[in-house]
């Protein structure tokens, strides 16, 4: 099987623990692109926090794609053009904020390149550390959220947040997609939006069959794209649920797991052919 798309999560998958792309992994990705493979960066990160890595990997030159906010936005890097965009409604974002207060968890959403919250906290600070986006603390969310935000997060200690997720899922899953991107991040996107669904739409747009797609990830929000792809890969540091669903387990993000997949399933297959 010749794989034509390789989609990869960023944090704890493509990136090392110090938020870098290793030289070995970068070399493998560049060679894959030169040989005609389309690279997709698929992350829960905002677009703003993905662009520097897209630039480093020269996705514009090689026709790669950014799938940001867990699929809420998909960008054609060659044209610097948004090809899919699916936002939460303003009303739903405000409703989720009210629910977060009822369940006593922290909450933030996004407007443009800013993080908006009514109370800054250690979890929103983690998002700042990952993305570099400005945190704006407001007294009244309604005054700031005047357009449709791309996604929203509820945040708390992982054990309690799991309880909140279990309570909210039956109440909200008809309105939104909800999933944890990290144990302390419960994310909300528009209904029908997740990495797997949007990767499928992109592959269809490019005329690529499902069995020609590789997806690599580590977290709960990677599950749908792992299940969609012809070859679903979990890095060794992935959670157990993802590992059980994966077709293949590669080495960890600190051991060039992405490079190993490219070498074994793209380069090796082409040399045999």
C-alpha atoms as a PDB file:
ATOM      1  CA  UNK A   1       0.000   0.000   0.000  1.00  0.00           C
ATOM      2  CA  UNK A   2       1.347   3.419  -0.960  1.00  0.00           C
ATOM      3  CA  UNK A   3       0.389   5.956   1.667  1.00  0.00           C
ATOM      4  CA  UNK A   4      -0.303   9.436   0.317  1.00  0.00           C
ATOM      5  CA  UNK A   5      -1.173  11.374   3.491  1.00  0.00           C
ATOM      6  CA  UNK A   6       0.524  11.291   6.874  1.00  0.00           C
ATOM      7  CA  UNK A   7      -1.323  13.222   9.578  1.00  0.00           C
ATOM      8  CA  UNK A   8       0.350  13.784  12.918  1.00  0.00           C
ATOM      9  CA  UNK A   9      -0.607  15.236  16.247  1.00  0.00           C
ATOM     10  CA  UNK A  10       1.876  17.760  17.611  1.00  0.00           C
ATOM     11  CA  UNK A  11       2.207  17.818  21.413  1.00  0.00           C
ATOM     12  CA  UNK A  12       3.711  14.573  22.740  1.00  0.00           C
ATOM     13  CA  UNK A  13       3.714  13.098  19.222  1.00  0.00           C
ATOM     14  CA  UNK A  14       5.608  15.182  16.668  1.00  0.00           C
ATOM     15  CA  UNK A  15       7.155  17.495  19.262  1.00  0.00           C
ATOM     16  CA  UNK A  16       9.663  16.476  21.894  1.00  0.00           C
ATOM     17  CA  UNK A  17       9.015  17.368  25.512  1.00  0.00           C
ATOM     18  CA  UNK A  18      10.815  20.688  25.027  1.00  0.00           C
ATOM     19  CA  UNK A  19       8.449  21.637  22.190  1.00  0.00           C
ATOM     20  CA  UNK A  20      10.822  21.002  19.300  1.00  0.00           C
ATOM     21  CA  UNK A  21      10.974  18.827  16.203  1.00  0.00           C
ATOM     22  CA  UNK A  22      14.045  16.610  16.398  1.00  0.00           C
ATOM     23  CA  UNK A  23      16.491  16.723  13.506  1.00  0.00           C
ATOM     24  CA  UNK A  24      15.891  13.070  12.625  1.00  0.00           C
ATOM     25  CA  UNK A  25      12.118  13.537  12.530  1.00  0.00           C
ATOM     26  CA  UNK A  26      12.400  16.740  10.526  1.00  0.00           C
ATOM     27  CA  UNK A  27      14.657  15.041   7.965  1.00  0.00           C
ATOM     28  CA  UNK A  28      12.199  12.160   7.581  1.00  0.00           C
ATOM     29  CA  UNK A  29       9.245  14.513   7.106  1.00  0.00           C
ATOM     30  CA  UNK A  30      11.122  16.603   4.543  1.00  0.00           C
ATOM     31  CA  UNK A  31      12.103  13.511   2.564  1.00  0.00           C
ATOM     32  CA  UNK A  32       8.523  12.242   2.670  1.00  0.00           C
ATOM     33  CA  UNK A  33       7.276  15.543   1.266  1.00  0.00           C
ATOM     34  CA  UNK A  34       9.927  15.531  -1.463  1.00  0.00           C
ATOM     35  CA  UNK A  35       8.720  12.085  -2.490  1.00  0.00           C
ATOM     36  CA  UNK A  36       5.114  13.304  -2.797  1.00  0.00           C
ATOM     37  CA  UNK A  37       3.549  12.531   0.581  1.00  0.00           C
ATOM     38  CA  UNK A  38       1.125  15.167   1.875  1.00  0.00           C
ATOM     39  CA  UNK A  39       1.824  16.140   5.485  1.00  0.00           C
ATOM     40  CA  UNK A  40      -0.992  17.261   7.783  1.00  0.00           C
ATOM     41  CA  UNK A  41      -0.345  18.794  11.197  1.00  0.00           C
ATOM     42  CA  UNK A  42      -3.437  17.851  13.207  1.00  0.00           C
ATOM     43  CA  UNK A  43      -3.660  19.420  16.650  1.00  0.00           C
ATOM     44  CA  UNK A  44      -5.957  20.781  19.300  1.00  0.00           C
ATOM     45  CA  UNK A  45      -3.695  23.832  19.242  1.00  0.00           C
ATOM     46  CA  UNK A  46      -4.934  27.123  17.829  1.00  0.00           C
ATOM     47  CA  UNK A  47      -3.739  27.928  14.317  1.00  0.00           C
ATOM     48  CA  UNK A  48      -1.532  30.681  15.727  1.00  0.00           C
ATOM     49  CA  UNK A  49       0.481  28.125  17.711  1.00  0.00           C
ATOM     50  CA  UNK A  50       0.991  25.811  14.725  1.00  0.00           C
ATOM     51  CA  UNK A  51       2.190  28.174  12.020  1.00  0.00           C
ATOM     52  CA  UNK A  52       5.829  28.344  13.084  1.00  0.00           C
ATOM     53  CA  UNK A  53       6.091  24.552  12.887  1.00  0.00           C
ATOM     54  CA  UNK A  54       4.360  24.536   9.489  1.00  0.00           C
ATOM     55  CA  UNK A  55       6.939  27.070   8.345  1.00  0.00           C
ATOM     56  CA  UNK A  56       9.811  25.009   9.749  1.00  0.00           C
ATOM     57  CA  UNK A  57       8.556  21.969   7.813  1.00  0.00           C
ATOM     58  CA  UNK A  58       7.962  24.046   4.659  1.00  0.00           C
ATOM     59  CA  UNK A  59       4.345  22.951   4.322  1.00  0.00           C
ATOM     60  CA  UNK A  60       3.634  25.937   2.083  1.00  0.00           C
ATOM     61  CA  UNK A  61       6.259  24.842  -0.424  1.00  0.00           C
ATOM     62  CA  UNK A  62       5.210  21.183  -0.382  1.00  0.00           C
ATOM     63  CA  UNK A  63       1.438  21.623  -0.245  1.00  0.00           C
ATOM     64  CA  UNK A  64       0.782  20.492   3.308  1.00  0.00           C
ATOM     65  CA  UNK A  65      -2.162  21.296   5.575  1.00  0.00           C
ATOM     66  CA  UNK A  66      -2.863  22.552   9.088  1.00  0.00           C
ATOM     67  CA  UNK A  67      -5.797  20.994  10.938  1.00  0.00           C
ATOM     68  CA  UNK A  68      -6.126  23.204  14.036  1.00  0.00           C
ATOM     69  CA  UNK A  69      -8.517  23.475  16.997  1.00  0.00           C
ATOM     70  CA  UNK A  70      -9.110  19.705  16.711  1.00  0.00           C
ATOM     71  CA  UNK A  71     -10.414  20.111  13.171  1.00  0.00           C
ATOM     72  CA  UNK A  72     -12.497  23.241  13.575  1.00  0.00           C
ATOM     73  CA  UNK A  73     -10.223  24.929  11.022  1.00  0.00           C
ATOM     74  CA  UNK A  74      -8.363  23.325   8.115  1.00  0.00           C
ATOM     75  CA  UNK A  75      -5.841  25.407   6.181  1.00  0.00           C
ATOM     76  CA  UNK A  76      -4.286  24.807   2.774  1.00  0.00           C
ATOM     77  CA  UNK A  77      -0.745  26.028   3.467  1.00  0.00           C
ATOM     78  CA  UNK A  78       0.200  26.409  -0.199  1.00  0.00           C
ATOM     79  CA  UNK A  79      -2.579  28.947  -0.706  1.00  0.00           C
ATOM     80  CA  UNK A  80      -2.659  30.198   2.894  1.00  0.00           C
ATOM     81  CA  UNK A  81      -6.392  29.599   2.680  1.00  0.00           C
ATOM     82  CA  UNK A  82      -8.975  28.270   5.129  1.00  0.00           C
ATOM     83  CA  UNK A  83     -10.793  25.464   3.320  1.00  0.00           C
ATOM     84  CA  UNK A  84     -12.993  24.259   6.195  1.00  0.00           C
ATOM     85  CA  UNK A  85     -14.191  26.188   9.245  1.00  0.00           C
ATOM     86  CA  UNK A  86     -16.714  25.032  11.826  1.00  0.00           C
ATOM     87  CA  UNK A  87     -17.246  27.189  14.924  1.00  0.00           C
ATOM     88  CA  UNK A  88     -19.313  26.960  18.073  1.00  0.00           C
ATOM     89  CA  UNK A  89     -22.189  29.400  18.130  1.00  0.00           C
ATOM     90  CA  UNK A  90     -21.824  32.429  20.364  1.00  0.00           C
ATOM     91  CA  UNK A  91     -24.894  31.295  22.317  1.00  0.00           C
ATOM     92  CA  UNK A  92     -23.491  27.817  22.892  1.00  0.00           C
ATOM     93  CA  UNK A  93     -20.124  29.174  24.040  1.00  0.00           C
ATOM     94  CA  UNK A  94     -21.893  31.308  26.641  1.00  0.00           C
ATOM     95  CA  UNK A  95     -24.082  28.385  27.695  1.00  0.00           C
ATOM     96  CA  UNK A  96     -20.971  26.253  28.212  1.00  0.00           C
ATOM     97  CA  UNK A  97     -19.476  28.983  30.367  1.00  0.00           C
ATOM     98  CA  UNK A  98     -22.587  28.986  32.560  1.00  0.00           C
ATOM     99  CA  UNK A  99     -22.392  25.200  32.858  1.00  0.00           C
ATOM    100  CA  UNK A 100     -18.715  25.426  33.829  1.00  0.00           C
ATOM    101  CA  UNK A 101     -19.667  27.756  36.690  1.00  0.00           C
ATOM    102  CA  UNK A 102     -22.371  25.379  37.852  1.00  0.00           C
ATOM    103  CA  UNK A 103     -19.831  22.543  37.978  1.00  0.00           C
ATOM    104  CA  UNK A 104     -17.087  24.736  39.451  1.00  0.00           C
ATOM    105  CA  UNK A 105     -14.486  24.197  36.761  1.00  0.00           C
ATOM    106  CA  UNK A 106     -12.369  26.761  34.933  1.00  0.00           C
ATOM    107  CA  UNK A 107     -13.334  27.850  31.429  1.00  0.00           C
ATOM    108  CA  UNK A 108     -11.798  29.657  28.486  1.00  0.00           C
ATOM    109  CA  UNK A 109     -12.528  30.198  24.817  1.00  0.00           C
ATOM    110  CA  UNK A 110     -10.874  31.972  21.900  1.00  0.00           C
ATOM    111  CA  UNK A 111     -11.505  35.122  19.911  1.00  0.00           C
ATOM    112  CA  UNK A 112      -9.005  35.771  17.143  1.00  0.00           C
ATOM    113  CA  UNK A 113      -5.538  35.059  18.519  1.00  0.00           C
ATOM    114  CA  UNK A 114      -6.536  35.676  22.146  1.00  0.00           C
ATOM    115  CA  UNK A 115      -7.586  33.366  24.982  1.00  0.00           C
ATOM    116  CA  UNK A 116     -10.662  34.730  26.782  1.00  0.00           C
ATOM    117  CA  UNK A 117     -11.546  33.791  30.365  1.00  0.00           C
ATOM    118  CA  UNK A 118     -13.357  35.256  33.352  1.00  0.00           C
ATOM    119  CA  UNK A 119     -10.753  33.840  35.718  1.00  0.00           C
ATOM    120  CA  UNK A 120      -7.162  33.106  34.872  1.00  0.00           C
ATOM    121  CA  UNK A 121      -5.858  29.854  36.336  1.00  0.00           C
ATOM    122  CA  UNK A 122      -2.978  27.405  36.157  1.00  0.00           C
ATOM    123  CA  UNK A 123      -4.583  25.425  33.327  1.00  0.00           C
ATOM    124  CA  UNK A 124      -5.123  28.452  31.107  1.00  0.00           C
ATOM    125  CA  UNK A 125      -1.522  29.367  31.874  1.00  0.00           C
ATOM    126  CA  UNK A 126      -0.522  25.952  30.501  1.00  0.00           C
ATOM    127  CA  UNK A 127      -2.334  26.851  27.281  1.00  0.00           C
ATOM    128  CA  UNK A 128      -0.434  30.133  27.225  1.00  0.00           C
ATOM    129  CA  UNK A 129       2.873  28.282  27.664  1.00  0.00           C
ATOM    130  CA  UNK A 130       1.994  25.937  24.789  1.00  0.00           C
ATOM    131  CA  UNK A 131       0.640  28.525  22.389  1.00  0.00           C
ATOM    132  CA  UNK A 132       2.059  31.921  23.312  1.00  0.00           C
ATOM    133  CA  UNK A 133      -1.417  33.412  22.889  1.00  0.00           C
ATOM    134  CA  UNK A 134      -2.396  36.403  25.002  1.00  0.00           C
ATOM    135  CA  UNK A 135      -4.744  35.735  27.930  1.00  0.00           C
ATOM    136  CA  UNK A 136      -7.510  38.316  28.340  1.00  0.00           C
ATOM    137  CA  UNK A 137      -9.369  38.176  31.657  1.00  0.00           C
ATOM    138  CA  UNK A 138     -12.810  39.779  31.544  1.00  0.00           C
ATOM    139  CA  UNK A 139     -15.575  40.407  34.041  1.00  0.00           C
ATOM    140  CA  UNK A 140     -18.360  39.688  31.573  1.00  0.00           C
ATOM    141  CA  UNK A 141     -17.862  37.053  28.898  1.00  0.00           C
ATOM    142  CA  UNK A 142     -20.867  38.249  26.909  1.00  0.00           C
ATOM    143  CA  UNK A 143     -19.233  41.621  26.287  1.00  0.00           C
ATOM    144  CA  UNK A 144     -16.140  39.972  24.753  1.00  0.00           C
ATOM    145  CA  UNK A 145     -17.594  36.926  22.984  1.00  0.00           C
ATOM    146  CA  UNK A 146     -19.460  38.815  20.267  1.00  0.00           C
ATOM    147  CA  UNK A 147     -18.698  36.367  17.459  1.00  0.00           C
ATOM    148  CA  UNK A 148     -18.651  32.590  17.080  1.00  0.00           C
ATOM    149  CA  UNK A 149     -15.569  31.118  18.812  1.00  0.00           C
ATOM    150  CA  UNK A 150     -13.755  28.156  17.325  1.00  0.00           C
ATOM    151  CA  UNK A 151     -13.815  26.015  20.469  1.00  0.00           C
ATOM    152  CA  UNK A 152     -14.029  26.166  24.262  1.00  0.00           C
ATOM    153  CA  UNK A 153     -12.336  24.364  27.157  1.00  0.00           C
ATOM    154  CA  UNK A 154     -13.315  23.360  30.671  1.00  0.00           C
ATOM    155  CA  UNK A 155     -10.378  22.628  32.964  1.00  0.00           C
ATOM    156  CA  UNK A 156      -9.732  21.133  36.380  1.00  0.00           C
ATOM    157  CA  UNK A 157      -7.926  18.361  38.190  1.00  0.00           C
ATOM    158  CA  UNK A 158      -8.135  15.272  35.925  1.00  0.00           C
ATOM    159  CA  UNK A 159     -10.086  13.054  38.331  1.00  0.00           C
ATOM    160  CA  UNK A 160     -12.785  15.658  38.951  1.00  0.00           C
ATOM    161  CA  UNK A 161     -12.862  16.723  35.298  1.00  0.00           C
ATOM    162  CA  UNK A 162     -13.582  13.122  34.311  1.00  0.00           C
ATOM    163  CA  UNK A 163     -16.602  13.196  36.641  1.00  0.00           C
ATOM    164  CA  UNK A 164     -17.794  16.413  35.002  1.00  0.00           C
ATOM    165  CA  UNK A 165     -17.307  14.904  31.551  1.00  0.00           C
ATOM    166  CA  UNK A 166     -19.382  11.865  32.509  1.00  0.00           C
ATOM    167  CA  UNK A 167     -22.189  14.124  33.781  1.00  0.00           C
ATOM    168  CA  UNK A 168     -22.174  16.432  30.768  1.00  0.00           C
ATOM    169  CA  UNK A 169     -21.770  13.940  27.938  1.00  0.00           C
ATOM    170  CA  UNK A 170     -25.377  12.657  27.902  1.00  0.00           C
ATOM    171  CA  UNK A 171     -26.670  16.219  28.241  1.00  0.00           C
ATOM    172  CA  UNK A 172     -24.517  17.891  25.593  1.00  0.00           C
ATOM    173  CA  UNK A 173     -23.391  15.337  23.021  1.00  0.00           C
ATOM    174  CA  UNK A 174     -26.393  16.101  20.786  1.00  0.00           C
ATOM    175  CA  UNK A 175     -25.183  19.736  20.594  1.00  0.00           C
ATOM    176  CA  UNK A 176     -21.381  19.543  20.594  1.00  0.00           C
ATOM    177  CA  UNK A 177     -18.410  17.236  20.316  1.00  0.00           C
ATOM    178  CA  UNK A 178     -16.634  16.888  23.653  1.00  0.00           C
ATOM    179  CA  UNK A 179     -13.403  15.099  24.435  1.00  0.00           C
ATOM    180  CA  UNK A 180     -10.286  15.463  26.535  1.00  0.00           C
ATOM    181  CA  UNK A 181      -7.155  16.568  24.691  1.00  0.00           C
ATOM    182  CA  UNK A 182      -5.184  16.316  27.935  1.00  0.00           C
ATOM    183  CA  UNK A 183      -6.335  14.836  31.250  1.00  0.00           C
ATOM    184  CA  UNK A 184      -7.045  18.375  32.539  1.00  0.00           C
ATOM    185  CA  UNK A 185      -8.537  19.807  29.292  1.00  0.00           C
ATOM    186  CA  UNK A 186     -12.147  18.994  28.333  1.00  0.00           C
ATOM    187  CA  UNK A 187     -12.669  20.464  24.880  1.00  0.00           C
ATOM    188  CA  UNK A 188     -15.864  21.434  23.087  1.00  0.00           C
ATOM    189  CA  UNK A 189     -16.133  21.854  19.316  1.00  0.00           C
ATOM    190  CA  UNK A 190     -19.037  22.176  16.918  1.00  0.00           C
ATOM    191  CA  UNK A 191     -21.095  19.030  16.460  1.00  0.00           C
ATOM    192  CA  UNK A 192     -19.465  16.697  13.961  1.00  0.00           C
ATOM    193  CA  UNK A 193     -16.047  18.317  14.286  1.00  0.00           C
ATOM    194  CA  UNK A 194     -13.085  16.207  15.363  1.00  0.00           C
ATOM    195  CA  UNK A 195      -9.726  15.263  13.900  1.00  0.00           C
ATOM    196  CA  UNK A 196     -11.010  12.108  12.249  1.00  0.00           C
ATOM    197  CA  UNK A 197     -14.034  13.692  10.578  1.00  0.00           C
ATOM    198  CA  UNK A 198     -12.037  16.597   9.199  1.00  0.00           C
ATOM    199  CA  UNK A 199      -9.146  14.412   8.061  1.00  0.00           C
ATOM    200  CA  UNK A 200     -11.702  12.322   6.165  1.00  0.00           C
ATOM    201  CA  UNK A 201     -13.090  15.462   4.501  1.00  0.00           C
ATOM    202  CA  UNK A 202      -9.609  16.581   3.542  1.00  0.00           C
ATOM    203  CA  UNK A 203      -8.670  13.184   2.108  1.00  0.00           C
ATOM    204  CA  UNK A 204     -11.884  13.163   0.076  1.00  0.00           C
ATOM    205  CA  UNK A 205     -11.095  16.658  -1.221  1.00  0.00           C
ATOM    206  CA  UNK A 206      -7.645  15.465  -2.299  1.00  0.00           C
ATOM    207  CA  UNK A 207      -8.952  12.273  -3.878  1.00  0.00           C
ATOM    208  CA  UNK A 208      -7.062  10.082  -1.408  1.00  0.00           C
ATOM    209  CA  UNK A 209      -8.590   6.812  -0.254  1.00  0.00           C
ATOM    210  CA  UNK A 210      -8.984   6.053   3.452  1.00  0.00           C
ATOM    211  CA  UNK A 211      -6.529   3.156   3.254  1.00  0.00           C
ATOM    212  CA  UNK A 212      -3.879   5.545   1.888  1.00  0.00           C
ATOM    213  CA  UNK A 213      -3.881   7.661   5.064  1.00  0.00           C
ATOM    214  CA  UNK A 214      -1.570   7.319   8.082  1.00  0.00           C
ATOM    215  CA  UNK A 215      -2.490   9.091  11.333  1.00  0.00           C
ATOM    216  CA  UNK A 216      -0.181   9.295  14.353  1.00  0.00           C
ATOM    217  CA  UNK A 217      -1.156  10.484  17.833  1.00  0.00           C
ATOM    218  CA  UNK A 218      -1.000  10.081  21.581  1.00  0.00           C
ATOM    219  CA  UNK A 219      -4.111  11.593  23.195  1.00  0.00           C
ATOM    220  CA  UNK A 220      -7.859  11.158  23.604  1.00  0.00           C
ATOM    221  CA  UNK A 221      -8.552  13.711  20.877  1.00  0.00           C
ATOM    222  CA  UNK A 222      -6.485  11.646  18.417  1.00  0.00           C
ATOM    223  CA  UNK A 223      -8.731   8.604  18.719  1.00  0.00           C
ATOM    224  CA  UNK A 224     -11.084   9.474  15.858  1.00  0.00           C
ATOM    225  CA  UNK A 225      -8.305  10.050  13.344  1.00  0.00           C
ATOM    226  CA  UNK A 226      -6.494   6.903  14.477  1.00  0.00           C
ATOM    227  CA  UNK A 227      -9.681   4.925  13.884  1.00  0.00           C
ATOM    228  CA  UNK A 228     -10.336   6.618  10.533  1.00  0.00           C
ATOM    229  CA  UNK A 229      -6.883   6.169   9.002  1.00  0.00           C
ATOM    230  CA  UNK A 230      -5.886   3.145   6.987  1.00  0.00           C
ATOM    231  CA  UNK A 231      -2.923   2.915   9.334  1.00  0.00           C
ATOM    232  CA  UNK A 232      -3.637   4.296  12.804  1.00  0.00           C
ATOM    233  CA  UNK A 233      -0.477   4.717  14.875  1.00  0.00           C
ATOM    234  CA  UNK A 234       0.016   5.408  18.579  1.00  0.00           C
ATOM    235  CA  UNK A 235       3.328   6.651  19.914  1.00  0.00           C
ATOM    236  CA  UNK A 236       4.666   4.616  22.813  1.00  0.00           C
ATOM    237  CA  UNK A 237       3.831   7.402  25.285  1.00  0.00           C
ATOM    238  CA  UNK A 238       0.152   7.425  24.208  1.00  0.00           C
ATOM    239  CA  UNK A 239      -2.662   6.650  26.610  1.00  0.00           C
ATOM    240  CA  UNK A 240      -3.759   3.021  26.903  1.00  0.00           C
ATOM    241  CA  UNK A 241      -7.113   3.594  25.182  1.00  0.00           C
ATOM    242  CA  UNK A 242      -5.404   4.889  22.061  1.00  0.00           C
ATOM    243  CA  UNK A 243      -2.859   2.078  22.061  1.00  0.00           C
ATOM    244  CA  UNK A 244      -5.651  -0.494  22.127  1.00  0.00           C
ATOM    245  CA  UNK A 245      -7.279   1.039  19.045  1.00  0.00           C
ATOM    246  CA  UNK A 246      -4.083   1.606  17.063  1.00  0.00           C
ATOM    247  CA  UNK A 247      -2.930  -0.656  14.238  1.00  0.00           C
ATOM    248  CA  UNK A 248       0.697  -0.044  15.135  1.00  0.00           C
ATOM    249  CA  UNK A 249       2.648   1.327  18.095  1.00  0.00           C
ATOM    250  CA  UNK A 250       5.780   3.287  17.284  1.00  0.00           C
ATOM    251  CA  UNK A 251       8.465   4.614  19.606  1.00  0.00           C
ATOM    252  CA  UNK A 252       7.785   7.633  21.814  1.00  0.00           C
ATOM    253  CA  UNK A 253       7.907  11.311  20.919  1.00  0.00           C
ATOM    254  CA  UNK A 254      11.353  11.411  22.537  1.00  0.00           C
ATOM    255  CA  UNK A 255      12.573   8.535  20.377  1.00  0.00           C
ATOM    256  CA  UNK A 256      11.587   9.842  16.921  1.00  0.00           C
ATOM    257  CA  UNK A 257       8.374   7.845  16.721  1.00  0.00           C
ATOM    258  CA  UNK A 258       7.085   9.842  13.734  1.00  0.00           C
ATOM    259  CA  UNK A 259      10.350   9.308  11.833  1.00  0.00           C
ATOM    260  CA  UNK A 260      10.162   5.564  12.472  1.00  0.00           C
ATOM    261  CA  UNK A 261       6.660   5.395  10.961  1.00  0.00           C
ATOM    262  CA  UNK A 262       7.738   7.326   7.869  1.00  0.00           C
ATOM    263  CA  UNK A 263      10.812   5.157   7.395  1.00  0.00           C
ATOM    264  CA  UNK A 264       8.921   1.891   7.849  1.00  0.00           C
ATOM    265  CA  UNK A 265       5.641   2.577   6.061  1.00  0.00           C
ATOM    266  CA  UNK A 266       6.520   5.195   3.429  1.00  0.00           C
ATOM    267  CA  UNK A 267      10.179   4.811   2.487  1.00  0.00           C
ATOM    268  CA  UNK A 268      10.409   1.027   2.946  1.00  0.00           C
ATOM    269  CA  UNK A 269       7.175   0.376   1.021  1.00  0.00           C
ATOM    270  CA  UNK A 270       8.309   2.569  -1.883  1.00  0.00           C
ATOM    271  CA  UNK A 271      11.750   0.937  -2.067  1.00  0.00           C
ATOM    272  CA  UNK A 272      10.105  -2.487  -2.222  1.00  0.00           C
ATOM    273  CA  UNK A 273       7.737  -1.293  -4.967  1.00  0.00           C
END
